[in-house]
């Protein structure tokens, strides 16, 4: 299952998922 999320700031969100949760 893949999820697509519309976000206010794509760079901020990508950084959050990477740094906070460990996504690559």
PDBML (XML) file of the C-alpha atoms, coordinates in Angstrom:
<?xml version="1.0" encoding="UTF-8" ?>
<PDBx:datablock datablockName="MODEL"
   xmlns:PDBx="http://pdbml.pdb.org/schema/pdbx-v50.xsd"
   xmlns:xsi="http://www.w3.org/2001/XMLSchema-instance"
   xsi:schemaLocation="http://pdbml.pdb.org/schema/pdbx-v50.xsd pdbx-v50.xsd">
   <PDBx:atom_siteCategory>
      <PDBx:atom_site id="1">
         <PDBx:B_iso_or_equiv>0.00</PDBx:B_iso_or_equiv>
         <PDBx:Cartn_x>0.000</PDBx:Cartn_x>
         <PDBx:Cartn_y>0.000</PDBx:Cartn_y>
         <PDBx:Cartn_z>0.000</PDBx:Cartn_z>
         <PDBx:auth_asym_id>A</PDBx:auth_asym_id>
         <PDBx:auth_atom_id>CA</PDBx:auth_atom_id>
         <PDBx:auth_comp_id>UNK</PDBx:auth_comp_id>
         <PDBx:auth_seq_id>1</PDBx:auth_seq_id>
         <PDBx:group_PDB>ATOM</PDBx:group_PDB>
         <PDBx:label_alt_id xsi:nil="true" />
         <PDBx:label_asym_id>A</PDBx:label_asym_id>
         <PDBx:label_atom_id>CA</PDBx:label_atom_id>
         <PDBx:label_comp_id>UNK</PDBx:label_comp_id>
         <PDBx:label_entity_id>1</PDBx:label_entity_id>
         <PDBx:label_seq_id>1</PDBx:label_seq_id>
         <PDBx:occupancy>1.00</PDBx:occupancy>
         <PDBx:pdbx_PDB_model_num>1</PDBx:pdbx_PDB_model_num>
         <PDBx:type_symbol>C</PDBx:type_symbol>
      </PDBx:atom_site>
      <PDBx:atom_site id="2">
         <PDBx:B_iso_or_equiv>0.00</PDBx:B_iso_or_equiv>
         <PDBx:Cartn_x>1.490</PDBx:Cartn_x>
         <PDBx:Cartn_y>3.302</PDBx:Cartn_y>
         <PDBx:Cartn_z>-1.065</PDBx:Cartn_z>
         <PDBx:auth_asym_id>A</PDBx:auth_asym_id>
         <PDBx:auth_atom_id>CA</PDBx:auth_atom_id>
         <PDBx:auth_comp_id>UNK</PDBx:auth_comp_id>
         <PDBx:auth_seq_id>2</PDBx:auth_seq_id>
         <PDBx:group_PDB>ATOM</PDBx:group_PDB>
         <PDBx:label_alt_id xsi:nil="true" />
         <PDBx:label_asym_id>A</PDBx:label_asym_id>
         <PDBx:label_atom_id>CA</PDBx:label_atom_id>
         <PDBx:label_comp_id>UNK</PDBx:label_comp_id>
         <PDBx:label_entity_id>1</PDBx:label_entity_id>
         <PDBx:label_seq_id>2</PDBx:label_seq_id>
         <PDBx:occupancy>1.00</PDBx:occupancy>
         <PDBx:pdbx_PDB_model_num>1</PDBx:pdbx_PDB_model_num>
         <PDBx:type_symbol>C</PDBx:type_symbol>
      </PDBx:atom_site>
      <PDBx:atom_site id="3">
         <PDBx:B_iso_or_equiv>0.00</PDBx:B_iso_or_equiv>
         <PDBx:Cartn_x>0.188</PDBx:Cartn_x>
         <PDBx:Cartn_y>6.595</PDBx:Cartn_y>
         <PDBx:Cartn_z>0.290</PDBx:Cartn_z>
         <PDBx:auth_asym_id>A</PDBx:auth_asym_id>
         <PDBx:auth_atom_id>CA</PDBx:auth_atom_id>
         <PDBx:auth_comp_id>UNK</PDBx:auth_comp_id>
         <PDBx:auth_seq_id>3</PDBx:auth_seq_id>
         <PDBx:group_PDB>ATOM</PDBx:group_PDB>
         <PDBx:label_alt_id xsi:nil="true" />
         <PDBx:label_asym_id>A</PDBx:label_asym_id>
         <PDBx:label_atom_id>CA</PDBx:label_atom_id>
         <PDBx:label_comp_id>UNK</PDBx:label_comp_id>
         <PDBx:label_entity_id>1</PDBx:label_entity_id>
         <PDBx:label_seq_id>3</PDBx:label_seq_id>
         <PDBx:occupancy>1.00</PDBx:occupancy>
         <PDBx:pdbx_PDB_model_num>1</PDBx:pdbx_PDB_model_num>
         <PDBx:type_symbol>C</PDBx:type_symbol>
      </PDBx:atom_site>
      <PDBx:atom_site id="4">
         <PDBx:B_iso_or_equiv>0.00</PDBx:B_iso_or_equiv>
         <PDBx:Cartn_x>0.200</PDBx:Cartn_x>
         <PDBx:Cartn_y>10.012</PDBx:Cartn_y>
         <PDBx:Cartn_z>-1.374</PDBx:Cartn_z>
         <PDBx:auth_asym_id>A</PDBx:auth_asym_id>
         <PDBx:auth_atom_id>CA</PDBx:auth_atom_id>
         <PDBx:auth_comp_id>UNK</PDBx:auth_comp_id>
         <PDBx:auth_seq_id>4</PDBx:auth_seq_id>
         <PDBx:group_PDB>ATOM</PDBx:group_PDB>
         <PDBx:label_alt_id xsi:nil="true" />
         <PDBx:label_asym_id>A</PDBx:label_asym_id>
         <PDBx:label_atom_id>CA</PDBx:label_atom_id>
         <PDBx:label_comp_id>UNK</PDBx:label_comp_id>
         <PDBx:label_entity_id>1</PDBx:label_entity_id>
         <PDBx:label_seq_id>4</PDBx:label_seq_id>
         <PDBx:occupancy>1.00</PDBx:occupancy>
         <PDBx:pdbx_PDB_model_num>1</PDBx:pdbx_PDB_model_num>
         <PDBx:type_symbol>C</PDBx:type_symbol>
      </PDBx:atom_site>
      <PDBx:atom_site id="5">
         <PDBx:B_iso_or_equiv>0.00</PDBx:B_iso_or_equiv>
         <PDBx:Cartn_x>-0.097</PDBx:Cartn_x>
         <PDBx:Cartn_y>13.027</PDBx:Cartn_y>
         <PDBx:Cartn_z>0.940</PDBx:Cartn_z>
         <PDBx:auth_asym_id>A</PDBx:auth_asym_id>
         <PDBx:auth_atom_id>CA</PDBx:auth_atom_id>
         <PDBx:auth_comp_id>UNK</PDBx:auth_comp_id>
         <PDBx:auth_seq_id>5</PDBx:auth_seq_id>
         <PDBx:group_PDB>ATOM</PDBx:group_PDB>
         <PDBx:label_alt_id xsi:nil="true" />
         <PDBx:label_asym_id>A</PDBx:label_asym_id>
         <PDBx:label_atom_id>CA</PDBx:label_atom_id>
         <PDBx:label_comp_id>UNK</PDBx:label_comp_id>
         <PDBx:label_entity_id>1</PDBx:label_entity_id>
         <PDBx:label_seq_id>5</PDBx:label_seq_id>
         <PDBx:occupancy>1.00</PDBx:occupancy>
         <PDBx:pdbx_PDB_model_num>1</PDBx:pdbx_PDB_model_num>
         <PDBx:type_symbol>C</PDBx:type_symbol>
      </PDBx:atom_site>
      <PDBx:atom_site id="6">
         <PDBx:B_iso_or_equiv>0.00</PDBx:B_iso_or_equiv>
         <PDBx:Cartn_x>-0.554</PDBx:Cartn_x>
         <PDBx:Cartn_y>16.637</PDBx:Cartn_y>
         <PDBx:Cartn_z>-0.181</PDBx:Cartn_z>
         <PDBx:auth_asym_id>A</PDBx:auth_asym_id>
         <PDBx:auth_atom_id>CA</PDBx:auth_atom_id>
         <PDBx:auth_comp_id>UNK</PDBx:auth_comp_id>
         <PDBx:auth_seq_id>6</PDBx:auth_seq_id>
         <PDBx:group_PDB>ATOM</PDBx:group_PDB>
         <PDBx:label_alt_id xsi:nil="true" />
         <PDBx:label_asym_id>A</PDBx:label_asym_id>
         <PDBx:label_atom_id>CA</PDBx:label_atom_id>
         <PDBx:label_comp_id>UNK</PDBx:label_comp_id>
         <PDBx:label_entity_id>1</PDBx:label_entity_id>
         <PDBx:label_seq_id>6</PDBx:label_seq_id>
         <PDBx:occupancy>1.00</PDBx:occupancy>
         <PDBx:pdbx_PDB_model_num>1</PDBx:pdbx_PDB_model_num>
         <PDBx:type_symbol>C</PDBx:type_symbol>
      </PDBx:atom_site>
      <PDBx:atom_site id="7">
         <PDBx:B_iso_or_equiv>0.00</PDBx:B_iso_or_equiv>
         <PDBx:Cartn_x>1.526</PDBx:Cartn_x>
         <PDBx:Cartn_y>18.825</PDBx:Cartn_y>
         <PDBx:Cartn_z>2.127</PDBx:Cartn_z>
         <PDBx:auth_asym_id>A</PDBx:auth_asym_id>
         <PDBx:auth_atom_id>CA</PDBx:auth_atom_id>
         <PDBx:auth_comp_id>UNK</PDBx:auth_comp_id>
         <PDBx:auth_seq_id>7</PDBx:auth_seq_id>
         <PDBx:group_PDB>ATOM</PDBx:group_PDB>
         <PDBx:label_alt_id xsi:nil="true" />
         <PDBx:label_asym_id>A</PDBx:label_asym_id>
         <PDBx:label_atom_id>CA</PDBx:label_atom_id>
         <PDBx:label_comp_id>UNK</PDBx:label_comp_id>
         <PDBx:label_entity_id>1</PDBx:label_entity_id>
         <PDBx:label_seq_id>7</PDBx:label_seq_id>
         <PDBx:occupancy>1.00</PDBx:occupancy>
         <PDBx:pdbx_PDB_model_num>1</PDBx:pdbx_PDB_model_num>
         <PDBx:type_symbol>C</PDBx:type_symbol>
      </PDBx:atom_site>
      <PDBx:atom_site id="8">
         <PDBx:B_iso_or_equiv>0.00</PDBx:B_iso_or_equiv>
         <PDBx:Cartn_x>2.114</PDBx:Cartn_x>
         <PDBx:Cartn_y>22.534</PDBx:Cartn_y>
         <PDBx:Cartn_z>2.739</PDBx:Cartn_z>
         <PDBx:auth_asym_id>A</PDBx:auth_asym_id>
         <PDBx:auth_atom_id>CA</PDBx:auth_atom_id>
         <PDBx:auth_comp_id>UNK</PDBx:auth_comp_id>
         <PDBx:auth_seq_id>8</PDBx:auth_seq_id>
         <PDBx:group_PDB>ATOM</PDBx:group_PDB>
         <PDBx:label_alt_id xsi:nil="true" />
         <PDBx:label_asym_id>A</PDBx:label_asym_id>
         <PDBx:label_atom_id>CA</PDBx:label_atom_id>
         <PDBx:label_comp_id>UNK</PDBx:label_comp_id>
         <PDBx:label_entity_id>1</PDBx:label_entity_id>
         <PDBx:label_seq_id>8</PDBx:label_seq_id>
         <PDBx:occupancy>1.00</PDBx:occupancy>
         <PDBx:pdbx_PDB_model_num>1</PDBx:pdbx_PDB_model_num>
         <PDBx:type_symbol>C</PDBx:type_symbol>
      </PDBx:atom_site>
      <PDBx:atom_site id="9">
         <PDBx:B_iso_or_equiv>0.00</PDBx:B_iso_or_equiv>
         <PDBx:Cartn_x>5.910</PDBx:Cartn_x>
         <PDBx:Cartn_y>22.330</PDBx:Cartn_y>
         <PDBx:Cartn_z>2.336</PDBx:Cartn_z>
         <PDBx:auth_asym_id>A</PDBx:auth_asym_id>
         <PDBx:auth_atom_id>CA</PDBx:auth_atom_id>
         <PDBx:auth_comp_id>UNK</PDBx:auth_comp_id>
         <PDBx:auth_seq_id>9</PDBx:auth_seq_id>
         <PDBx:group_PDB>ATOM</PDBx:group_PDB>
         <PDBx:label_alt_id xsi:nil="true" />
         <PDBx:label_asym_id>A</PDBx:label_asym_id>
         <PDBx:label_atom_id>CA</PDBx:label_atom_id>
         <PDBx:label_comp_id>UNK</PDBx:label_comp_id>
         <PDBx:label_entity_id>1</PDBx:label_entity_id>
         <PDBx:label_seq_id>9</PDBx:label_seq_id>
         <PDBx:occupancy>1.00</PDBx:occupancy>
         <PDBx:pdbx_PDB_model_num>1</PDBx:pdbx_PDB_model_num>
         <PDBx:type_symbol>C</PDBx:type_symbol>
      </PDBx:atom_site>
      <PDBx:atom_site id="10">
         <PDBx:B_iso_or_equiv>0.00</PDBx:B_iso_or_equiv>
         <PDBx:Cartn_x>7.231</PDBx:Cartn_x>
         <PDBx:Cartn_y>19.285</PDBx:Cartn_y>
         <PDBx:Cartn_z>0.479</PDBx:Cartn_z>
         <PDBx:auth_asym_id>A</PDBx:auth_asym_id>
         <PDBx:auth_atom_id>CA</PDBx:auth_atom_id>
         <PDBx:auth_comp_id>UNK</PDBx:auth_comp_id>
         <PDBx:auth_seq_id>10</PDBx:auth_seq_id>
         <PDBx:group_PDB>ATOM</PDBx:group_PDB>
         <PDBx:label_alt_id xsi:nil="true" />
         <PDBx:label_asym_id>A</PDBx:label_asym_id>
         <PDBx:label_atom_id>CA</PDBx:label_atom_id>
         <PDBx:label_comp_id>UNK</PDBx:label_comp_id>
         <PDBx:label_entity_id>1</PDBx:label_entity_id>
         <PDBx:label_seq_id>10</PDBx:label_seq_id>
         <PDBx:occupancy>1.00</PDBx:occupancy>
         <PDBx:pdbx_PDB_model_num>1</PDBx:pdbx_PDB_model_num>
         <PDBx:type_symbol>C</PDBx:type_symbol>
      </PDBx:atom_site>
      <PDBx:atom_site id="11">
         <PDBx:B_iso_or_equiv>0.00</PDBx:B_iso_or_equiv>
         <PDBx:Cartn_x>10.876</PDBx:Cartn_x>
         <PDBx:Cartn_y>19.804</PDBx:Cartn_y>
         <PDBx:Cartn_z>1.545</PDBx:Cartn_z>
         <PDBx:auth_asym_id>A</PDBx:auth_asym_id>
         <PDBx:auth_atom_id>CA</PDBx:auth_atom_id>
         <PDBx:auth_comp_id>UNK</PDBx:auth_comp_id>
         <PDBx:auth_seq_id>11</PDBx:auth_seq_id>
         <PDBx:group_PDB>ATOM</PDBx:group_PDB>
         <PDBx:label_alt_id xsi:nil="true" />
         <PDBx:label_asym_id>A</PDBx:label_asym_id>
         <PDBx:label_atom_id>CA</PDBx:label_atom_id>
         <PDBx:label_comp_id>UNK</PDBx:label_comp_id>
         <PDBx:label_entity_id>1</PDBx:label_entity_id>
         <PDBx:label_seq_id>11</PDBx:label_seq_id>
         <PDBx:occupancy>1.00</PDBx:occupancy>
         <PDBx:pdbx_PDB_model_num>1</PDBx:pdbx_PDB_model_num>
         <PDBx:type_symbol>C</PDBx:type_symbol>
      </PDBx:atom_site>
      <PDBx:atom_site id="12">
         <PDBx:B_iso_or_equiv>0.00</PDBx:B_iso_or_equiv>
         <PDBx:Cartn_x>9.914</PDBx:Cartn_x>
         <PDBx:Cartn_y>20.197</PDBx:Cartn_y>
         <PDBx:Cartn_z>5.226</PDBx:Cartn_z>
         <PDBx:auth_asym_id>A</PDBx:auth_asym_id>
         <PDBx:auth_atom_id>CA</PDBx:auth_atom_id>
         <PDBx:auth_comp_id>UNK</PDBx:auth_comp_id>
         <PDBx:auth_seq_id>12</PDBx:auth_seq_id>
         <PDBx:group_PDB>ATOM</PDBx:group_PDB>
         <PDBx:label_alt_id xsi:nil="true" />
         <PDBx:label_asym_id>A</PDBx:label_asym_id>
         <PDBx:label_atom_id>CA</PDBx:label_atom_id>
         <PDBx:label_comp_id>UNK</PDBx:label_comp_id>
         <PDBx:label_entity_id>1</PDBx:label_entity_id>
         <PDBx:label_seq_id>12</PDBx:label_seq_id>
         <PDBx:occupancy>1.00</PDBx:occupancy>
         <PDBx:pdbx_PDB_model_num>1</PDBx:pdbx_PDB_model_num>
         <PDBx:type_symbol>C</PDBx:type_symbol>
      </PDBx:atom_site>
      <PDBx:atom_site id="13">
         <PDBx:B_iso_or_equiv>0.00</PDBx:B_iso_or_equiv>
         <PDBx:Cartn_x>7.773</PDBx:Cartn_x>
         <PDBx:Cartn_y>17.047</PDBx:Cartn_y>
         <PDBx:Cartn_z>5.105</PDBx:Cartn_z>
         <PDBx:auth_asym_id>A</PDBx:auth_asym_id>
         <PDBx:auth_atom_id>CA</PDBx:auth_atom_id>
         <PDBx:auth_comp_id>UNK</PDBx:auth_comp_id>
         <PDBx:auth_seq_id>13</PDBx:auth_seq_id>
         <PDBx:group_PDB>ATOM</PDBx:group_PDB>
         <PDBx:label_alt_id xsi:nil="true" />
         <PDBx:label_asym_id>A</PDBx:label_asym_id>
         <PDBx:label_atom_id>CA</PDBx:label_atom_id>
         <PDBx:label_comp_id>UNK</PDBx:label_comp_id>
         <PDBx:label_entity_id>1</PDBx:label_entity_id>
         <PDBx:label_seq_id>13</PDBx:label_seq_id>
         <PDBx:occupancy>1.00</PDBx:occupancy>
         <PDBx:pdbx_PDB_model_num>1</PDBx:pdbx_PDB_model_num>
         <PDBx:type_symbol>C</PDBx:type_symbol>
      </PDBx:atom_site>
      <PDBx:atom_site id="14">
         <PDBx:B_iso_or_equiv>0.00</PDBx:B_iso_or_equiv>
         <PDBx:Cartn_x>10.404</PDBx:Cartn_x>
         <PDBx:Cartn_y>14.964</PDBx:Cartn_y>
         <PDBx:Cartn_z>3.298</PDBx:Cartn_z>
         <PDBx:auth_asym_id>A</PDBx:auth_asym_id>
         <PDBx:auth_atom_id>CA</PDBx:auth_atom_id>
         <PDBx:auth_comp_id>UNK</PDBx:auth_comp_id>
         <PDBx:auth_seq_id>14</PDBx:auth_seq_id>
         <PDBx:group_PDB>ATOM</PDBx:group_PDB>
         <PDBx:label_alt_id xsi:nil="true" />
         <PDBx:label_asym_id>A</PDBx:label_asym_id>
         <PDBx:label_atom_id>CA</PDBx:label_atom_id>
         <PDBx:label_comp_id>UNK</PDBx:label_comp_id>
         <PDBx:label_entity_id>1</PDBx:label_entity_id>
         <PDBx:label_seq_id>14</PDBx:label_seq_id>
         <PDBx:occupancy>1.00</PDBx:occupancy>
         <PDBx:pdbx_PDB_model_num>1</PDBx:pdbx_PDB_model_num>
         <PDBx:type_symbol>C</PDBx:type_symbol>
      </PDBx:atom_site>
      <PDBx:atom_site id="15">
         <PDBx:B_iso_or_equiv>0.00</PDBx:B_iso_or_equiv>
         <PDBx:Cartn_x>13.014</PDBx:Cartn_x>
         <PDBx:Cartn_y>16.051</PDBx:Cartn_y>
         <PDBx:Cartn_z>5.829</PDBx:Cartn_z>
         <PDBx:auth_asym_id>A</PDBx:auth_asym_id>
         <PDBx:auth_atom_id>CA</PDBx:auth_atom_id>
         <PDBx:auth_comp_id>UNK</PDBx:auth_comp_id>
         <PDBx:auth_seq_id>15</PDBx:auth_seq_id>
         <PDBx:group_PDB>ATOM</PDBx:group_PDB>
         <PDBx:label_alt_id xsi:nil="true" />
         <PDBx:label_asym_id>A</PDBx:label_asym_id>
         <PDBx:label_atom_id>CA</PDBx:label_atom_id>
         <PDBx:label_comp_id>UNK</PDBx:label_comp_id>
         <PDBx:label_entity_id>1</PDBx:label_entity_id>
         <PDBx:label_seq_id>15</PDBx:label_seq_id>
         <PDBx:occupancy>1.00</PDBx:occupancy>
         <PDBx:pdbx_PDB_model_num>1</PDBx:pdbx_PDB_model_num>
         <PDBx:type_symbol>C</PDBx:type_symbol>
      </PDBx:atom_site>
      <PDBx:atom_site id="16">
         <PDBx:B_iso_or_equiv>0.00</PDBx:B_iso_or_equiv>
         <PDBx:Cartn_x>10.659</PDBx:Cartn_x>
         <PDBx:Cartn_y>15.223</PDBx:Cartn_y>
         <PDBx:Cartn_z>8.726</PDBx:Cartn_z>
         <PDBx:auth_asym_id>A</PDBx:auth_asym_id>
         <PDBx:auth_atom_id>CA</PDBx:auth_atom_id>
         <PDBx:auth_comp_id>UNK</PDBx:auth_comp_id>
         <PDBx:auth_seq_id>16</PDBx:auth_seq_id>
         <PDBx:group_PDB>ATOM</PDBx:group_PDB>
         <PDBx:label_alt_id xsi:nil="true" />
         <PDBx:label_asym_id>A</PDBx:label_asym_id>
         <PDBx:label_atom_id>CA</PDBx:label_atom_id>
         <PDBx:label_comp_id>UNK</PDBx:label_comp_id>
         <PDBx:label_entity_id>1</PDBx:label_entity_id>
         <PDBx:label_seq_id>16</PDBx:label_seq_id>
         <PDBx:occupancy>1.00</PDBx:occupancy>
         <PDBx:pdbx_PDB_model_num>1</PDBx:pdbx_PDB_model_num>
         <PDBx:type_symbol>C</PDBx:type_symbol>
      </PDBx:atom_site>
      <PDBx:atom_site id="17">
         <PDBx:B_iso_or_equiv>0.00</PDBx:B_iso_or_equiv>
         <PDBx:Cartn_x>9.896</PDBx:Cartn_x>
         <PDBx:Cartn_y>11.700</PDBx:Cartn_y>
         <PDBx:Cartn_z>7.438</PDBx:Cartn_z>
         <PDBx:auth_asym_id>A</PDBx:auth_asym_id>
         <PDBx:auth_atom_id>CA</PDBx:auth_atom_id>
         <PDBx:auth_comp_id>UNK</PDBx:auth_comp_id>
         <PDBx:auth_seq_id>17</PDBx:auth_seq_id>
         <PDBx:group_PDB>ATOM</PDBx:group_PDB>
         <PDBx:label_alt_id xsi:nil="true" />
         <PDBx:label_asym_id>A</PDBx:label_asym_id>
         <PDBx:label_atom_id>CA</PDBx:label_atom_id>
         <PDBx:label_comp_id>UNK</PDBx:label_comp_id>
         <PDBx:label_entity_id>1</PDBx:label_entity_id>
         <PDBx:label_seq_id>17</PDBx:label_seq_id>
         <PDBx:occupancy>1.00</PDBx:occupancy>
         <PDBx:pdbx_PDB_model_num>1</PDBx:pdbx_PDB_model_num>
         <PDBx:type_symbol>C</PDBx:type_symbol>
      </PDBx:atom_site>
      <PDBx:atom_site id="18">
         <PDBx:B_iso_or_equiv>0.00</PDBx:B_iso_or_equiv>
         <PDBx:Cartn_x>13.607</PDBx:Cartn_x>
         <PDBx:Cartn_y>11.123</PDBx:Cartn_y>
         <PDBx:Cartn_z>6.830</PDBx:Cartn_z>
         <PDBx:auth_asym_id>A</PDBx:auth_asym_id>
         <PDBx:auth_atom_id>CA</PDBx:auth_atom_id>
         <PDBx:auth_comp_id>UNK</PDBx:auth_comp_id>
         <PDBx:auth_seq_id>18</PDBx:auth_seq_id>
         <PDBx:group_PDB>ATOM</PDBx:group_PDB>
         <PDBx:label_alt_id xsi:nil="true" />
         <PDBx:label_asym_id>A</PDBx:label_asym_id>
         <PDBx:label_atom_id>CA</PDBx:label_atom_id>
         <PDBx:label_comp_id>UNK</PDBx:label_comp_id>
         <PDBx:label_entity_id>1</PDBx:label_entity_id>
         <PDBx:label_seq_id>18</PDBx:label_seq_id>
         <PDBx:occupancy>1.00</PDBx:occupancy>
         <PDBx:pdbx_PDB_model_num>1</PDBx:pdbx_PDB_model_num>
         <PDBx:type_symbol>C</PDBx:type_symbol>
      </PDBx:atom_site>
      <PDBx:atom_site id="19">
         <PDBx:B_iso_or_equiv>0.00</PDBx:B_iso_or_equiv>
         <PDBx:Cartn_x>15.049</PDBx:Cartn_x>
         <PDBx:Cartn_y>12.567</PDBx:Cartn_y>
         <PDBx:Cartn_z>10.045</PDBx:Cartn_z>
         <PDBx:auth_asym_id>A</PDBx:auth_asym_id>
         <PDBx:auth_atom_id>CA</PDBx:auth_atom_id>
         <PDBx:auth_comp_id>UNK</PDBx:auth_comp_id>
         <PDBx:auth_seq_id>19</PDBx:auth_seq_id>
         <PDBx:group_PDB>ATOM</PDBx:group_PDB>
         <PDBx:label_alt_id xsi:nil="true" />
         <PDBx:label_asym_id>A</PDBx:label_asym_id>
         <PDBx:label_atom_id>CA</PDBx:label_atom_id>
         <PDBx:label_comp_id>UNK</PDBx:label_comp_id>
         <PDBx:label_entity_id>1</PDBx:label_entity_id>
         <PDBx:label_seq_id>19</PDBx:label_seq_id>
         <PDBx:occupancy>1.00</PDBx:occupancy>
         <PDBx:pdbx_PDB_model_num>1</PDBx:pdbx_PDB_model_num>
         <PDBx:type_symbol>C</PDBx:type_symbol>
      </PDBx:atom_site>
      <PDBx:atom_site id="20">
         <PDBx:B_iso_or_equiv>0.00</PDBx:B_iso_or_equiv>
         <PDBx:Cartn_x>12.257</PDBx:Cartn_x>
         <PDBx:Cartn_y>11.844</PDBx:Cartn_y>
         <PDBx:Cartn_z>12.529</PDBx:Cartn_z>
         <PDBx:auth_asym_id>A</PDBx:auth_asym_id>
         <PDBx:auth_atom_id>CA</PDBx:auth_atom_id>
         <PDBx:auth_comp_id>UNK</PDBx:auth_comp_id>
         <PDBx:auth_seq_id>20</PDBx:auth_seq_id>
         <PDBx:group_PDB>ATOM</PDBx:group_PDB>
         <PDBx:label_alt_id xsi:nil="true" />
         <PDBx:label_asym_id>A</PDBx:label_asym_id>
         <PDBx:label_atom_id>CA</PDBx:label_atom_id>
         <PDBx:label_comp_id>UNK</PDBx:label_comp_id>
         <PDBx:label_entity_id>1</PDBx:label_entity_id>
         <PDBx:label_seq_id>20</PDBx:label_seq_id>
         <PDBx:occupancy>1.00</PDBx:occupancy>
         <PDBx:pdbx_PDB_model_num>1</PDBx:pdbx_PDB_model_num>
         <PDBx:type_symbol>C</PDBx:type_symbol>
      </PDBx:atom_site>
      <PDBx:atom_site id="21">
         <PDBx:B_iso_or_equiv>0.00</PDBx:B_iso_or_equiv>
         <PDBx:Cartn_x>11.065</PDBx:Cartn_x>
         <PDBx:Cartn_y>8.434</PDBx:Cartn_y>
         <PDBx:Cartn_z>11.331</PDBx:Cartn_z>
         <PDBx:auth_asym_id>A</PDBx:auth_asym_id>
         <PDBx:auth_atom_id>CA</PDBx:auth_atom_id>
         <PDBx:auth_comp_id>UNK</PDBx:auth_comp_id>
         <PDBx:auth_seq_id>21</PDBx:auth_seq_id>
         <PDBx:group_PDB>ATOM</PDBx:group_PDB>
         <PDBx:label_alt_id xsi:nil="true" />
         <PDBx:label_asym_id>A</PDBx:label_asym_id>
         <PDBx:label_atom_id>CA</PDBx:label_atom_id>
         <PDBx:label_comp_id>UNK</PDBx:label_comp_id>
         <PDBx:label_entity_id>1</PDBx:label_entity_id>
         <PDBx:label_seq_id>21</PDBx:label_seq_id>
         <PDBx:occupancy>1.00</PDBx:occupancy>
         <PDBx:pdbx_PDB_model_num>1</PDBx:pdbx_PDB_model_num>
         <PDBx:type_symbol>C</PDBx:type_symbol>
      </PDBx:atom_site>
      <PDBx:atom_site id="22">
         <PDBx:B_iso_or_equiv>0.00</PDBx:B_iso_or_equiv>
         <PDBx:Cartn_x>14.014</PDBx:Cartn_x>
         <PDBx:Cartn_y>7.084</PDBx:Cartn_y>
         <PDBx:Cartn_z>9.342</PDBx:Cartn_z>
         <PDBx:auth_asym_id>A</PDBx:auth_asym_id>
         <PDBx:auth_atom_id>CA</PDBx:auth_atom_id>
         <PDBx:auth_comp_id>UNK</PDBx:auth_comp_id>
         <PDBx:auth_seq_id>22</PDBx:auth_seq_id>
         <PDBx:group_PDB>ATOM</PDBx:group_PDB>
         <PDBx:label_alt_id xsi:nil="true" />
         <PDBx:label_asym_id>A</PDBx:label_asym_id>
         <PDBx:label_atom_id>CA</PDBx:label_atom_id>
         <PDBx:label_comp_id>UNK</PDBx:label_comp_id>
         <PDBx:label_entity_id>1</PDBx:label_entity_id>
         <PDBx:label_seq_id>22</PDBx:label_seq_id>
         <PDBx:occupancy>1.00</PDBx:occupancy>
         <PDBx:pdbx_PDB_model_num>1</PDBx:pdbx_PDB_model_num>
         <PDBx:type_symbol>C</PDBx:type_symbol>
      </PDBx:atom_site>
      <PDBx:atom_site id="23">
         <PDBx:B_iso_or_equiv>0.00</PDBx:B_iso_or_equiv>
         <PDBx:Cartn_x>12.464</PDBx:Cartn_x>
         <PDBx:Cartn_y>6.857</PDBx:Cartn_y>
         <PDBx:Cartn_z>5.866</PDBx:Cartn_z>
         <PDBx:auth_asym_id>A</PDBx:auth_asym_id>
         <PDBx:auth_atom_id>CA</PDBx:auth_atom_id>
         <PDBx:auth_comp_id>UNK</PDBx:auth_comp_id>
         <PDBx:auth_seq_id>23</PDBx:auth_seq_id>
         <PDBx:group_PDB>ATOM</PDBx:group_PDB>
         <PDBx:label_alt_id xsi:nil="true" />
         <PDBx:label_asym_id>A</PDBx:label_asym_id>
         <PDBx:label_atom_id>CA</PDBx:label_atom_id>
         <PDBx:label_comp_id>UNK</PDBx:label_comp_id>
         <PDBx:label_entity_id>1</PDBx:label_entity_id>
         <PDBx:label_seq_id>23</PDBx:label_seq_id>
         <PDBx:occupancy>1.00</PDBx:occupancy>
         <PDBx:pdbx_PDB_model_num>1</PDBx:pdbx_PDB_model_num>
         <PDBx:type_symbol>C</PDBx:type_symbol>
      </PDBx:atom_site>
      <PDBx:atom_site id="24">
         <PDBx:B_iso_or_equiv>0.00</PDBx:B_iso_or_equiv>
         <PDBx:Cartn_x>14.932</PDBx:Cartn_x>
         <PDBx:Cartn_y>7.023</PDBx:Cartn_y>
         <PDBx:Cartn_z>2.997</PDBx:Cartn_z>
         <PDBx:auth_asym_id>A</PDBx:auth_asym_id>
         <PDBx:auth_atom_id>CA</PDBx:auth_atom_id>
         <PDBx:auth_comp_id>UNK</PDBx:auth_comp_id>
         <PDBx:auth_seq_id>24</PDBx:auth_seq_id>
         <PDBx:group_PDB>ATOM</PDBx:group_PDB>
         <PDBx:label_alt_id xsi:nil="true" />
         <PDBx:label_asym_id>A</PDBx:label_asym_id>
         <PDBx:label_atom_id>CA</PDBx:label_atom_id>
         <PDBx:label_comp_id>UNK</PDBx:label_comp_id>
         <PDBx:label_entity_id>1</PDBx:label_entity_id>
         <PDBx:label_seq_id>24</PDBx:label_seq_id>
         <PDBx:occupancy>1.00</PDBx:occupancy>
         <PDBx:pdbx_PDB_model_num>1</PDBx:pdbx_PDB_model_num>
         <PDBx:type_symbol>C</PDBx:type_symbol>
      </PDBx:atom_site>
   </PDBx:atom_siteCategory>
</PDBx:datablock>
